[in-house]
Amino acid sequence: MHSIPFKVFIKPEFNVTDSIIGFGAAALIGYPNRLLKGELILSLNNTYVLDGTTVIHDFLSLDTGVRPSV
């Protein structure tokens, strides 16, 4: 039986006015010893964004994606 390797991560992103702090998981898709493979990514984030009228928006966001990996 083939198990799906995965990893968990913490994601801090900051700039002058905005921030995203979250946690998530990435699961390997494809075979570990092959050249062509990727990751499925899912993260839950707390986001602070300062808009053009100087109002700060605070909300939860869910990021999903697929990315190639080596």
Protein backbone atom coordinates (compact mmCIF):
# COMPACT_ATOMS: atom_id res chain seq x y z
CA MET A 1 0.00 0.00 0.00
CA HIS A 2 1.32 3.43 -0.98
CA SER A 3 1.03 6.13 1.70
CA ILE A 4 0.68 9.81 0.78
CA PRO A 5 3.52 11.83 2.33
CA PHE A 6 2.47 15.21 3.65
CA LYS A 7 3.93 18.05 5.65
CA VAL A 8 2.44 20.75 7.82
CA PHE A 9 3.64 24.35 7.86
CA ILE A 10 3.16 27.77 9.44
CA LYS A 11 2.88 30.64 6.99
CA PRO A 12 3.85 34.18 8.13
CA GLU A 13 3.73 36.90 5.46
CA PHE A 14 4.21 40.57 6.30
CA ASN A 15 4.69 43.88 4.52
CA VAL A 16 4.34 47.50 5.65
CA THR A 17 0.52 47.52 6.01
CA ASP A 18 -0.73 43.94 5.58
CA SER A 19 -0.14 40.54 7.12
CA ILE A 20 -1.17 36.93 6.64
CA ILE A 21 -0.53 34.36 9.35
CA GLY A 22 -1.74 30.82 8.87
CA PHE A 23 -1.14 27.13 9.06
CA GLY A 24 -1.68 24.41 6.53
CA ALA A 25 -0.69 21.12 4.98
CA ALA A 26 0.84 20.02 1.70
CA ALA A 27 0.42 16.50 0.27
CA LEU A 28 2.72 15.04 -2.37
CA ILE A 29 1.08 14.03 -5.65
CA GLY A 30 3.01 11.73 -7.96
CA TYR A 31 5.74 9.29 -7.00
CA PRO A 32 8.55 10.52 -4.71
CA ASN A 33 11.38 9.23 -6.95
CA ARG A 34 10.00 10.58 -10.25
CA LEU A 35 10.99 13.81 -11.92
CA LEU A 36 7.39 14.97 -12.44
CA LYS A 37 5.51 15.49 -9.16
CA GLY A 38 3.73 18.20 -7.25
CA GLU A 39 1.98 19.20 -4.06
CA LEU A 40 -1.64 19.90 -3.14
CA ILE A 41 -1.70 22.77 -0.64
CA LEU A 42 -4.38 23.89 1.81
CA SER A 43 -3.98 26.60 4.46
CA LEU A 44 -6.23 28.53 6.83
CA ASN A 45 -5.09 32.12 7.45
CA ASN A 46 -5.86 35.15 9.58
CA THR A 47 -5.48 38.18 7.30
CA TYR A 48 -5.11 41.91 8.08
CA VAL A 49 -5.33 44.28 5.10
CA LEU A 50 -5.21 48.08 5.10
CA ASP A 51 -7.30 49.42 2.19
CA GLY A 52 -6.95 52.71 0.27
CA THR A 53 -9.25 54.56 2.70
CA THR A 54 -7.11 53.56 5.75
CA VAL A 55 -9.63 51.00 7.00
CA ILE A 56 -8.15 47.78 8.37
CA HIS A 57 -9.98 44.61 7.32
CA ASP A 58 -9.51 41.49 9.47
CA PHE A 59 -10.79 38.18 8.09
CA LEU A 60 -10.10 34.47 7.70
CA SER A 61 -8.98 33.18 4.33
CA LEU A 62 -8.59 29.71 2.90
CA ASP A 63 -5.81 29.17 0.36
CA THR A 64 -5.75 26.13 -1.89
CA GLY A 65 -3.40 25.32 -4.71
CA VAL A 66 -1.24 22.96 -6.68
CA ARG A 67 2.47 23.56 -7.23
CA PRO A 68 5.24 21.62 -8.91
CA SER A 69 7.96 20.28 -6.64
CA VAL A 70 11.32 18.59 -7.00
